[in-house]
mmCIF file of all heavy atoms, coordinates in Angstrom:
data_MODEL
# 
_entry.id   MODEL 
# 
loop_
_atom_site.group_PDB 
_atom_site.id 
_atom_site.type_symbol 
_atom_site.label_atom_id 
_atom_site.label_alt_id 
_atom_site.label_comp_id 
_atom_site.label_asym_id 
_atom_site.label_entity_id 
_atom_site.label_seq_id 
_atom_site.pdbx_PDB_ins_code 
_atom_site.Cartn_x 
_atom_site.Cartn_y 
_atom_site.Cartn_z 
_atom_site.occupancy 
_atom_site.B_iso_or_equiv 
_atom_site.pdbx_formal_charge 
_atom_site.auth_seq_id 
_atom_site.auth_comp_id 
_atom_site.auth_asym_id 
_atom_site.auth_atom_id 
_atom_site.pdbx_PDB_model_num 
ATOM 1   N N   . GLN A 1 1  ? -3.325 -14.790 -112.952 1.00 0.00 ? 1  GLN A N   1 
ATOM 2   C CA  . GLN A 1 1  ? -4.253 -15.879 -112.613 1.00 0.00 ? 1  GLN A CA  1 
ATOM 3   C C   . GLN A 1 1  ? -5.286 -16.128 -113.724 1.00 0.00 ? 1  GLN A C   1 
ATOM 4   O O   . GLN A 1 1  ? -5.763 -17.246 -113.913 1.00 0.00 ? 1  GLN A O   1 
ATOM 5   C CB  . GLN A 1 1  ? -4.975 -15.609 -111.311 1.00 0.00 ? 1  GLN A CB  1 
ATOM 6   C CG  . GLN A 1 1  ? -4.082 -15.638 -110.078 1.00 0.00 ? 1  GLN A CG  1 
ATOM 7   C CD  . GLN A 1 1  ? -4.840 -15.273 -108.800 1.00 0.00 ? 1  GLN A CD  1 
ATOM 8   O OE1 . GLN A 1 1  ? -5.955 -15.691 -108.613 1.00 0.00 ? 1  GLN A OE1 1 
ATOM 9   N NE2 . GLN A 1 1  ? -4.195 -14.475 -107.963 1.00 0.00 ? 1  GLN A NE2 1 
ATOM 10  N N   . LEU A 1 2  ? -5.627 -15.074 -114.443 1.00 0.00 ? 2  LEU A N   1 
ATOM 11  C CA  . LEU A 1 2  ? -6.607 -15.201 -115.545 1.00 0.00 ? 2  LEU A CA  1 
ATOM 12  C C   . LEU A 1 2  ? -5.984 -15.762 -116.834 1.00 0.00 ? 2  LEU A C   1 
ATOM 13  O O   . LEU A 1 2  ? -6.664 -15.972 -117.827 1.00 0.00 ? 2  LEU A O   1 
ATOM 14  C CB  . LEU A 1 2  ? -7.224 -13.821 -115.860 1.00 0.00 ? 2  LEU A CB  1 
ATOM 15  C CG  . LEU A 1 2  ? -8.196 -13.297 -114.801 1.00 0.00 ? 2  LEU A CG  1 
ATOM 16  C CD1 . LEU A 1 2  ? -8.502 -11.842 -114.999 1.00 0.00 ? 2  LEU A CD1 1 
ATOM 17  C CD2 . LEU A 1 2  ? -9.455 -14.136 -114.782 1.00 0.00 ? 2  LEU A CD2 1 
ATOM 18  N N   . GLU A 1 3  ? -4.647 -15.999 -116.810 1.00 0.00 ? 3  GLU A N   1 
ATOM 19  C CA  . GLU A 1 3  ? -3.935 -16.663 -117.899 1.00 0.00 ? 3  GLU A CA  1 
ATOM 20  C C   . GLU A 1 3  ? -4.054 -15.913 -119.238 1.00 0.00 ? 3  GLU A C   1 
ATOM 21  O O   . GLU A 1 3  ? -4.258 -16.544 -120.283 1.00 0.00 ? 3  GLU A O   1 
ATOM 22  C CB  . GLU A 1 3  ? -4.407 -18.125 -118.020 1.00 0.00 ? 3  GLU A CB  1 
ATOM 23  C CG  . GLU A 1 3  ? -4.134 -18.914 -116.764 1.00 0.00 ? 3  GLU A CG  1 
ATOM 24  C CD  . GLU A 1 3  ? -4.527 -20.393 -116.924 1.00 0.00 ? 3  GLU A CD  1 
ATOM 25  O OE1 . GLU A 1 3  ? -5.395 -20.711 -117.741 1.00 0.00 ? 3  GLU A OE1 1 
ATOM 26  O OE2 . GLU A 1 3  ? -3.912 -21.227 -116.223 1.00 0.00 ? 3  GLU A OE2 1 
ATOM 27  N N   . VAL A 1 4  ? -3.932 -14.613 -119.157 1.00 0.00 ? 4  VAL A N   1 
ATOM 28  C CA  . VAL A 1 4  ? -3.864 -13.831 -120.404 1.00 0.00 ? 4  VAL A CA  1 
ATOM 29  C C   . VAL A 1 4  ? -2.442 -13.794 -120.889 1.00 0.00 ? 4  VAL A C   1 
ATOM 30  O O   . VAL A 1 4  ? -1.495 -14.112 -120.147 1.00 0.00 ? 4  VAL A O   1 
ATOM 31  C CB  . VAL A 1 4  ? -4.396 -12.405 -120.197 1.00 0.00 ? 4  VAL A CB  1 
ATOM 32  C CG1 . VAL A 1 4  ? -5.877 -12.415 -119.844 1.00 0.00 ? 4  VAL A CG1 1 
ATOM 33  C CG2 . VAL A 1 4  ? -3.597 -11.681 -119.086 1.00 0.00 ? 4  VAL A CG2 1 
ATOM 34  N N   . GLU A 1 5  ? -2.265 -13.380 -122.143 1.00 0.00 ? 5  GLU A N   1 
ATOM 35  C CA  . GLU A 1 5  ? -0.923 -13.305 -122.708 1.00 0.00 ? 5  GLU A CA  1 
ATOM 36  C C   . GLU A 1 5  ? -0.265 -11.957 -122.405 1.00 0.00 ? 5  GLU A C   1 
ATOM 37  O O   . GLU A 1 5  ? 0.965  -11.892 -122.287 1.00 0.00 ? 5  GLU A O   1 
ATOM 38  C CB  . GLU A 1 5  ? -0.997 -13.482 -124.228 1.00 0.00 ? 5  GLU A CB  1 
ATOM 39  C CG  . GLU A 1 5  ? -1.345 -14.894 -124.686 1.00 0.00 ? 5  GLU A CG  1 
ATOM 40  C CD  . GLU A 1 5  ? -2.840 -15.163 -124.718 1.00 0.00 ? 5  GLU A CD  1 
ATOM 41  O OE1 . GLU A 1 5  ? -3.636 -14.257 -124.384 1.00 0.00 ? 5  GLU A OE1 1 
ATOM 42  O OE2 . GLU A 1 5  ? -3.217 -16.278 -125.058 1.00 0.00 ? 5  GLU A OE2 1 
ATOM 43  N N   . TRP A 1 6  ? -1.081 -10.895 -122.356 1.00 0.00 ? 6  TRP A N   1 
ATOM 44  C CA  . TRP A 1 6  ? -0.556 -9.559  -122.214 1.00 0.00 ? 6  TRP A CA  1 
ATOM 45  C C   . TRP A 1 6  ? -1.256 -8.764  -121.092 1.00 0.00 ? 6  TRP A C   1 
ATOM 46  O O   . TRP A 1 6  ? -2.387 -9.040  -120.745 1.00 0.00 ? 6  TRP A O   1 
ATOM 47  C CB  . TRP A 1 6  ? -0.811 -8.744  -123.485 1.00 0.00 ? 6  TRP A CB  1 
ATOM 48  C CG  . TRP A 1 6  ? -0.030 -9.060  -124.717 1.00 0.00 ? 6  TRP A CG  1 
ATOM 49  C CD1 . TRP A 1 6  ? -0.270 -10.123 -125.576 1.00 0.00 ? 6  TRP A CD1 1 
ATOM 50  C CD2 . TRP A 1 6  ? 1.087  -8.349  -125.212 1.00 0.00 ? 6  TRP A CD2 1 
ATOM 51  N NE1 . TRP A 1 6  ? 0.650  -10.093 -126.579 1.00 0.00 ? 6  TRP A NE1 1 
ATOM 52  C CE2 . TRP A 1 6  ? 1.470  -9.045  -126.429 1.00 0.00 ? 6  TRP A CE2 1 
ATOM 53  C CE3 . TRP A 1 6  ? 1.807  -7.218  -124.812 1.00 0.00 ? 6  TRP A CE3 1 
ATOM 54  C CZ2 . TRP A 1 6  ? 2.548  -8.580  -127.189 1.00 0.00 ? 6  TRP A CZ2 1 
ATOM 55  C CZ3 . TRP A 1 6  ? 2.855  -6.779  -125.601 1.00 0.00 ? 6  TRP A CZ3 1 
ATOM 56  C CH2 . TRP A 1 6  ? 3.214  -7.455  -126.759 1.00 0.00 ? 6  TRP A CH2 1 
ATOM 57  N N   . VAL A 1 7  ? -0.531 -7.813  -120.535 1.00 0.00 ? 7  VAL A N   1 
ATOM 58  C CA  . VAL A 1 7  ? -1.149 -6.706  -119.793 1.00 0.00 ? 7  VAL A CA  1 
ATOM 59  C C   . VAL A 1 7  ? -0.667 -5.420  -120.449 1.00 0.00 ? 7  VAL A C   1 
ATOM 60  O O   . VAL A 1 7  ? 0.460  -5.316  -120.936 1.00 0.00 ? 7  VAL A O   1 
ATOM 61  C CB  . VAL A 1 7  ? -0.791 -6.698  -118.281 1.00 0.00 ? 7  VAL A CB  1 
ATOM 62  C CG1 . VAL A 1 7  ? -1.440 -7.879  -117.596 1.00 0.00 ? 7  VAL A CG1 1 
ATOM 63  C CG2 . VAL A 1 7  ? 0.713  -6.672  -118.088 1.00 0.00 ? 7  VAL A CG2 1 
ATOM 64  N N   . GLU A 1 8  ? -1.596 -4.441  -120.522 1.00 0.00 ? 8  GLU A N   1 
ATOM 65  C CA  . GLU A 1 8  ? -1.219 -3.114  -120.982 1.00 0.00 ? 8  GLU A CA  1 
ATOM 66  C C   . GLU A 1 8  ? -1.359 -2.132  -119.833 1.00 0.00 ? 8  GLU A C   1 
ATOM 67  O O   . GLU A 1 8  ? -2.456 -1.982  -119.239 1.00 0.00 ? 8  GLU A O   1 
ATOM 68  C CB  . GLU A 1 8  ? -2.107 -2.651  -122.129 1.00 0.00 ? 8  GLU A CB  1 
ATOM 69  C CG  . GLU A 1 8  ? -1.746 -1.270  -122.636 1.00 0.00 ? 8  GLU A CG  1 
ATOM 70  C CD  . GLU A 1 8  ? -2.427 -0.910  -123.960 1.00 0.00 ? 8  GLU A CD  1 
ATOM 71  O OE1 . GLU A 1 8  ? -2.950 -1.793  -124.659 1.00 0.00 ? 8  GLU A OE1 1 
ATOM 72  O OE2 . GLU A 1 8  ? -2.437 0.311   -124.302 1.00 0.00 ? 8  GLU A OE2 1 
ATOM 73  N N   . LEU A 1 9  ? -0.265 -1.560  -119.444 1.00 0.00 ? 9  LEU A N   1 
ATOM 74  C CA  . LEU A 1 9  ? -0.230 -0.647  -118.289 1.00 0.00 ? 9  LEU A CA  1 
ATOM 75  C C   . LEU A 1 9  ? -0.809 0.715   -118.662 1.00 0.00 ? 9  LEU A C   1 
ATOM 76  O O   . LEU A 1 9  ? -0.424 1.300   -119.641 1.00 0.00 ? 9  LEU A O   1 
ATOM 77  C CB  . LEU A 1 9  ? 1.209  -0.489  -117.745 1.00 0.00 ? 9  LEU A CB  1 
ATOM 78  C CG  . LEU A 1 9  ? 1.884  -1.791  -117.295 1.00 0.00 ? 9  LEU A CG  1 
ATOM 79  C CD1 . LEU A 1 9  ? 3.312  -1.481  -116.841 1.00 0.00 ? 9  LEU A CD1 1 
ATOM 80  C CD2 . LEU A 1 9  ? 1.106  -2.481  -116.178 1.00 0.00 ? 9  LEU A CD2 1 
ATOM 81  N N   . HIS A 1 10 ? -1.750 1.135   -117.851 1.00 0.00 ? 10 HIS A N   1 
ATOM 82  C CA  . HIS A 1 10 ? -2.417 2.464   -118.066 1.00 0.00 ? 10 HIS A CA  1 
ATOM 83  C C   . HIS A 1 10 ? -1.455 3.593   -117.685 1.00 0.00 ? 10 HIS A C   1 
ATOM 84  O O   . HIS A 1 10 ? -1.046 3.719   -116.520 1.00 0.00 ? 10 HIS A O   1 
ATOM 85  C CB  . HIS A 1 10 ? -3.667 2.514   -117.230 1.00 0.00 ? 10 HIS A CB  1 
ATOM 86  C CG  . HIS A 1 10 ? -4.392 3.817   -117.284 1.00 0.00 ? 10 HIS A CG  1 
ATOM 87  N ND1 . HIS A 1 10 ? -4.585 4.621   -116.190 1.00 0.00 ? 10 HIS A ND1 1 
ATOM 88  C CD2 . HIS A 1 10 ? -4.941 4.475   -118.313 1.00 0.00 ? 10 HIS A CD2 1 
ATOM 89  C CE1 . HIS A 1 10 ? -5.246 5.726   -116.552 1.00 0.00 ? 10 HIS A CE1 1 
ATOM 90  N NE2 . HIS A 1 10 ? -5.481 5.621   -117.848 1.00 0.00 ? 10 HIS A NE2 1 
ATOM 91  N N   . THR A 1 11 ? -1.098 4.398   -118.655 1.00 0.00 ? 11 THR A N   1 
ATOM 92  C CA  . THR A 1 11 ? -0.114 5.494   -118.425 1.00 0.00 ? 11 THR A CA  1 
ATOM 93  C C   . THR A 1 11 ? -0.805 6.829   -118.276 1.00 0.00 ? 11 THR A C   1 
ATOM 94  O O   . THR A 1 11 ? -0.155 7.886   -118.329 1.00 0.00 ? 11 THR A O   1 
ATOM 95  C CB  . THR A 1 11 ? 0.923  5.554   -119.553 1.00 0.00 ? 11 THR A CB  1 
ATOM 96  O OG1 . THR A 1 11 ? 0.229  5.601   -120.838 1.00 0.00 ? 11 THR A OG1 1 
ATOM 97  C CG2 . THR A 1 11 ? 1.823  4.314   -119.537 1.00 0.00 ? 11 THR A CG2 1 
ATOM 98  N N   . GLY A 1 12 ? -2.122 6.847   -118.160 1.00 0.00 ? 12 GLY A N   1 
ATOM 99  C CA  . GLY A 1 12 ? -2.871 8.095   -118.098 1.00 0.00 ? 12 GLY A CA  1 
ATOM 100 C C   . GLY A 1 12 ? -2.517 8.990   -116.921 1.00 0.00 ? 12 GLY A C   1 
ATOM 101 O O   . GLY A 1 12 ? -2.409 10.209  -117.067 1.00 0.00 ? 12 GLY A O   1 
ATOM 102 N N   . THR A 1 13 ? -2.323 8.384   -115.724 1.00 0.00 ? 13 THR A N   1 
ATOM 103 C CA  . THR A 1 13 ? -1.949 9.165   -114.546 1.00 0.00 ? 13 THR A CA  1 
ATOM 104 C C   . THR A 1 13 ? -0.598 9.851   -114.763 1.00 0.00 ? 13 THR A C   1 
ATOM 105 O O   . THR A 1 13 ? -0.441 11.027  -114.522 1.00 0.00 ? 13 THR A O   1 
ATOM 106 C CB  . THR A 1 13 ? -1.921 8.290   -113.335 1.00 0.00 ? 13 THR A CB  1 
ATOM 107 O OG1 . THR A 1 13 ? -3.229 7.723   -113.098 1.00 0.00 ? 13 THR A OG1 1 
ATOM 108 C CG2 . THR A 1 13 ? -1.546 9.083   -112.079 1.00 0.00 ? 13 THR A CG2 1 
ATOM 109 N N   . PHE A 1 14 ? 0.367  9.055   -115.245 1.00 0.00 ? 14 PHE A N   1 
ATOM 110 C CA  . PHE A 1 14 ? 1.691  9.605   -115.585 1.00 0.00 ? 14 PHE A CA  1 
ATOM 111 C C   . PHE A 1 14 ? 1.558  10.757  -116.571 1.00 0.00 ? 14 PHE A C   1 
ATOM 112 O O   . PHE A 1 14 ? 2.172  11.810  -116.404 1.00 0.00 ? 14 PHE A O   1 
ATOM 113 C CB  . PHE A 1 14 ? 2.555  8.475   -116.147 1.00 0.00 ? 14 PHE A CB  1 
ATOM 114 C CG  . PHE A 1 14 ? 3.656  8.938   -117.051 1.00 0.00 ? 14 PHE A CG  1 
ATOM 115 C CD1 . PHE A 1 14 ? 4.841  9.446   -116.527 1.00 0.00 ? 14 PHE A CD1 1 
ATOM 116 C CD2 . PHE A 1 14 ? 3.464  8.906   -118.441 1.00 0.00 ? 14 PHE A CD2 1 
ATOM 117 C CE1 . PHE A 1 14 ? 5.851  9.866   -117.376 1.00 0.00 ? 14 PHE A CE1 1 
ATOM 118 C CE2 . PHE A 1 14 ? 4.488  9.379   -119.285 1.00 0.00 ? 14 PHE A CE2 1 
ATOM 119 C CZ  . PHE A 1 14 ? 5.674  9.890   -118.778 1.00 0.00 ? 14 PHE A CZ  1 
ATOM 120 N N   . ALA A 1 15 ? 0.786  10.544  -117.643 1.00 0.00 ? 15 ALA A N   1 
ATOM 121 C CA  . ALA A 1 15 ? 0.649  11.533  -118.701 1.00 0.00 ? 15 ALA A CA  1 
ATOM 122 C C   . ALA A 1 15 ? 0.014  12.837  -118.165 1.00 0.00 ? 15 ALA A C   1 
ATOM 123 O O   . ALA A 1 15 ? 0.450  13.922  -118.542 1.00 0.00 ? 15 ALA A O   1 
ATOM 124 C CB  . ALA A 1 15 ? -0.167 10.995  -119.864 1.00 0.00 ? 15 ALA A CB  1 
ATOM 125 N N   . ASN A 1 16 ? -0.969 12.711  -117.305 1.00 0.00 ? 16 ASN A N   1 
ATOM 126 C CA  . ASN A 1 16 ? -1.623 13.917  -116.743 1.00 0.00 ? 16 ASN A CA  1 
ATOM 127 C C   . ASN A 1 16 ? -0.675 14.712  -115.894 1.00 0.00 ? 16 ASN A C   1 
ATOM 128 O O   . ASN A 1 16 ? -0.621 15.956  -115.958 1.00 0.00 ? 16 ASN A O   1 
ATOM 129 C CB  . ASN A 1 16 ? -2.847 13.487  -115.925 1.00 0.00 ? 16 ASN A CB  1 
ATOM 130 C CG  . ASN A 1 16 ? -4.019 13.066  -116.778 1.00 0.00 ? 16 ASN A CG  1 
ATOM 131 O OD1 . ASN A 1 16 ? -4.075 13.350  -117.975 1.00 0.00 ? 16 ASN A OD1 1 
ATOM 132 N ND2 . ASN A 1 16 ? -4.968 12.336  -116.203 1.00 0.00 ? 16 ASN A ND2 1 
ATOM 133 N N   . ILE A 1 17 ? 0.091  14.009  -115.038 1.00 0.00 ? 17 ILE A N   1 
ATOM 134 C CA  . ILE A 1 17 ? 1.048  14.717  -114.172 1.00 0.00 ? 17 ILE A CA  1 
ATOM 135 C C   . ILE A 1 17 ? 2.093  15.401  -115.031 1.00 0.00 ? 17 ILE A C   1 
ATOM 136 O O   . ILE A 1 17 ? 2.454  16.580  -114.792 1.00 0.00 ? 17 ILE A O   1 
ATOM 137 C CB  . ILE A 1 17 ? 1.693  13.700  -113.195 1.00 0.00 ? 17 ILE A CB  1 
ATOM 138 C CG1 . ILE A 1 17 ? 0.658  13.108  -112.246 1.00 0.00 ? 17 ILE A CG1 1 
ATOM 139 C CG2 . ILE A 1 17 ? 2.797  14.424  -112.383 1.00 0.00 ? 17 ILE A CG2 1 
ATOM 140 C CD1 . ILE A 1 17 ? 1.185  11.905  -111.464 1.00 0.00 ? 17 ILE A CD1 1 
ATOM 141 N N   . TYR A 1 18 ? 2.622  14.677  -116.031 1.00 0.00 ? 18 TYR A N   1 
ATOM 142 C CA  . TYR A 1 18 ? 3.641  15.235  -116.897 1.00 0.00 ? 18 TYR A CA  1 
ATOM 143 C C   . TYR A 1 18 ? 3.124  16.501  -117.576 1.00 0.00 ? 18 TYR A C   1 
ATOM 144 O O   . TYR A 1 18 ? 3.796  17.529  -117.688 1.00 0.00 ? 18 TYR A O   1 
ATOM 145 C CB  . TYR A 1 18 ? 4.094  14.211  -117.949 1.00 0.00 ? 18 TYR A CB  1 
ATOM 146 C CG  . TYR A 1 18 ? 5.240  14.642  -118.799 1.00 0.00 ? 18 TYR A CG  1 
ATOM 147 C CD1 . TYR A 1 18 ? 6.535  14.187  -118.494 1.00 0.00 ? 18 TYR A CD1 1 
ATOM 148 C CD2 . TYR A 1 18 ? 5.079  15.506  -119.843 1.00 0.00 ? 18 TYR A CD2 1 
ATOM 149 C CE1 . TYR A 1 18 ? 7.635  14.584  -119.230 1.00 0.00 ? 18 TYR A CE1 1 
ATOM 150 C CE2 . TYR A 1 18 ? 6.196  15.909  -120.611 1.00 0.00 ? 18 TYR A CE2 1 
ATOM 151 C CZ  . TYR A 1 18 ? 7.435  15.440  -120.298 1.00 0.00 ? 18 TYR A CZ  1 
ATOM 152 O OH  . TYR A 1 18 ? 8.526  15.848  -121.031 1.00 0.00 ? 18 TYR A OH  1 
ATOM 153 N N   . ALA A 1 19 ? 1.878  16.446  -118.085 1.00 0.00 ? 19 ALA A N   1 
ATOM 154 C CA  . ALA A 1 19 ? 1.295  17.574  -118.808 1.00 0.00 ? 19 ALA A CA  1 
ATOM 155 C C   . ALA A 1 19 ? 1.149  18.775  -117.888 1.00 0.00 ? 19 ALA A C   1 
ATOM 156 O O   . ALA A 1 19 ? 1.396  19.933  -118.290 1.00 0.00 ? 19 ALA A O   1 
ATOM 157 C CB  . ALA A 1 19 ? -0.055 17.183  -119.417 1.00 0.00 ? 19 ALA A CB  1 
ATOM 158 N N   . MET A 1 20 ? 0.742  18.551  -116.668 1.00 0.00 ? 20 MET A N   1 
ATOM 159 C CA  . MET A 1 20 ? 0.569  19.684  -115.719 1.00 0.00 ? 20 MET A CA  1 
ATOM 160 C C   . MET A 1 20 ? 1.908  20.266  -115.313 1.00 0.00 ? 20 MET A C   1 
ATOM 161 O O   . MET A 1 20 ? 2.018  21.460  -114.987 1.00 0.00 ? 20 MET A O   1 
ATOM 162 C CB  . MET A 1 20 ? -0.226 19.206  -114.505 1.00 0.00 ? 20 MET A CB  1 
ATOM 163 C CG  . MET A 1 20 ? -1.710 18.931  -114.788 1.00 0.00 ? 20 MET A CG  1 
ATOM 164 S SD  . MET A 1 20 ? -2.641 20.394  -115.289 1.00 0.00 ? 20 MET A SD  1 
ATOM 165 C CE  . MET A 1 20 ? -2.841 21.216  -113.688 1.00 0.00 ? 20 MET A CE  1 
ATOM 166 N N   . LEU A 1 21 ? 2.964  19.445  -115.346 1.00 0.00 ? 21 LEU A N   1 
ATOM 167 C CA  . LEU A 1 21 ? 4.287  19.904  -114.938 1.00 0.00 ? 21 LEU A CA  1 
ATOM 168 C C   . LEU A 1 21 ? 5.054  20.542  -116.107 1.00 0.00 ? 21 LEU A C   1 
ATOM 169 O O   . LEU A 1 21 ? 5.728  21.559  -115.941 1.00 0.00 ? 21 LEU A O   1 
ATOM 170 C CB  . LEU A 1 21 ? 5.099  18.760  -114.377 1.00 0.00 ? 21 LEU A CB  1 
ATOM 171 C CG  . LEU A 1 21 ? 6.541  19.001  -113.938 1.00 0.00 ? 21 LEU A CG  1 
ATOM 172 C CD1 . LEU A 1 21 ? 6.559  20.060  -112.793 1.00 0.00 ? 21 LEU A CD1 1 
ATOM 173 C CD2 . LEU A 1 21 ? 7.181  17.725  -113.475 1.00 0.00 ? 21 LEU A CD2 1 
ATOM 174 N N   . HIS A 1 22 ? 4.930  19.976  -117.292 1.00 0.00 ? 22 HIS A N   1 
ATOM 175 C CA  . HIS A 1 22 ? 5.807  20.386  -118.395 1.00 0.00 ? 22 HIS A CA  1 
ATOM 176 C C   . HIS A 1 22 ? 5.123  21.030  -119.572 1.00 0.00 ? 22 HIS A C   1 
ATOM 177 O O   . HIS A 1 22 ? 5.769  21.302  -120.609 1.00 0.00 ? 22 HIS A O   1 
ATOM 178 C CB  . HIS A 1 22 ? 6.569  19.177  -118.883 1.00 0.00 ? 22 HIS A CB  1 
ATOM 179 C CG  . HIS A 1 22 ? 7.557  18.625  -117.898 1.00 0.00 ? 22 HIS A CG  1 
ATOM 180 N ND1 . HIS A 1 22 ? 8.649  19.334  -117.442 1.00 0.00 ? 22 HIS A ND1 1 
ATOM 181 C CD2 . HIS A 1 22 ? 7.599  17.420  -117.271 1.00 0.00 ? 22 HIS A CD2 1 
ATOM 182 C CE1 . HIS A 1 22 ? 9.347  18.575  -116.598 1.00 0.00 ? 22 HIS A CE1 1 
ATOM 183 N NE2 . HIS A 1 22 ? 8.725  17.442  -116.450 1.00 0.00 ? 22 HIS A NE2 1 
ATOM 184 N N   . SER A 1 23 ? 3.838  21.276  -119.483 1.00 0.00 ? 23 SER A N   1 
ATOM 185 C CA  . SER A 1 23 ? 3.147  21.948  -120.602 1.00 0.00 ? 23 SER A CA  1 
ATOM 186 C C   . SER A 1 23 ? 2.315  23.149  -120.066 1.00 0.00 ? 23 SER A C   1 
ATOM 187 O O   . SER A 1 23 ? 2.359  23.428  -118.883 1.00 0.00 ? 23 SER A O   1 
ATOM 188 C CB  . SER A 1 23 ? 2.233  20.950  -121.352 1.00 0.00 ? 23 SER A CB  1 
ATOM 189 O OG  . SER A 1 23 ? 1.006  20.765  -120.636 1.00 0.00 ? 23 SER A OG  1 
ATOM 190 N N   . ASN A 1 24 ? 1.588  23.734  -120.943 1.00 0.00 ? 24 ASN A N   1 
ATOM 191 C CA  . ASN A 1 24 ? 0.755  24.878  -120.595 1.00 0.00 ? 24 ASN A CA  1 
ATOM 192 C C   . ASN A 1 24 ? -0.647 24.472  -120.169 1.00 0.00 ? 24 ASN A C   1 
ATOM 193 O O   . ASN A 1 24 ? -1.544 25.313  -120.070 1.00 0.00 ? 24 ASN A O   1 
ATOM 194 C CB  . ASN A 1 24 ? 0.669  25.838  -121.809 1.00 0.00 ? 24 ASN A CB  1 
ATOM 195 C CG  . ASN A 1 24 ? 0.150  27.208  -121.406 1.00 0.00 ? 24 ASN A CG  1 
ATOM 196 O OD1 . ASN A 1 24 ? 0.516  27.756  -120.394 1.00 0.00 ? 24 ASN A OD1 1 
ATOM 197 N ND2 . ASN A 1 24 ? -0.720 27.758  -122.232 1.00 0.00 ? 24 ASN A ND2 1 
# 
C-alpha cells in the first residue's frame, strides 16, 4: 500500500534459531 519497490525480509529470527540448533 505504501508503493515501495522492495521489501527486505528480516531473517534474524531464522538465524538465531539455526545458530542455537547447529552451532556452539
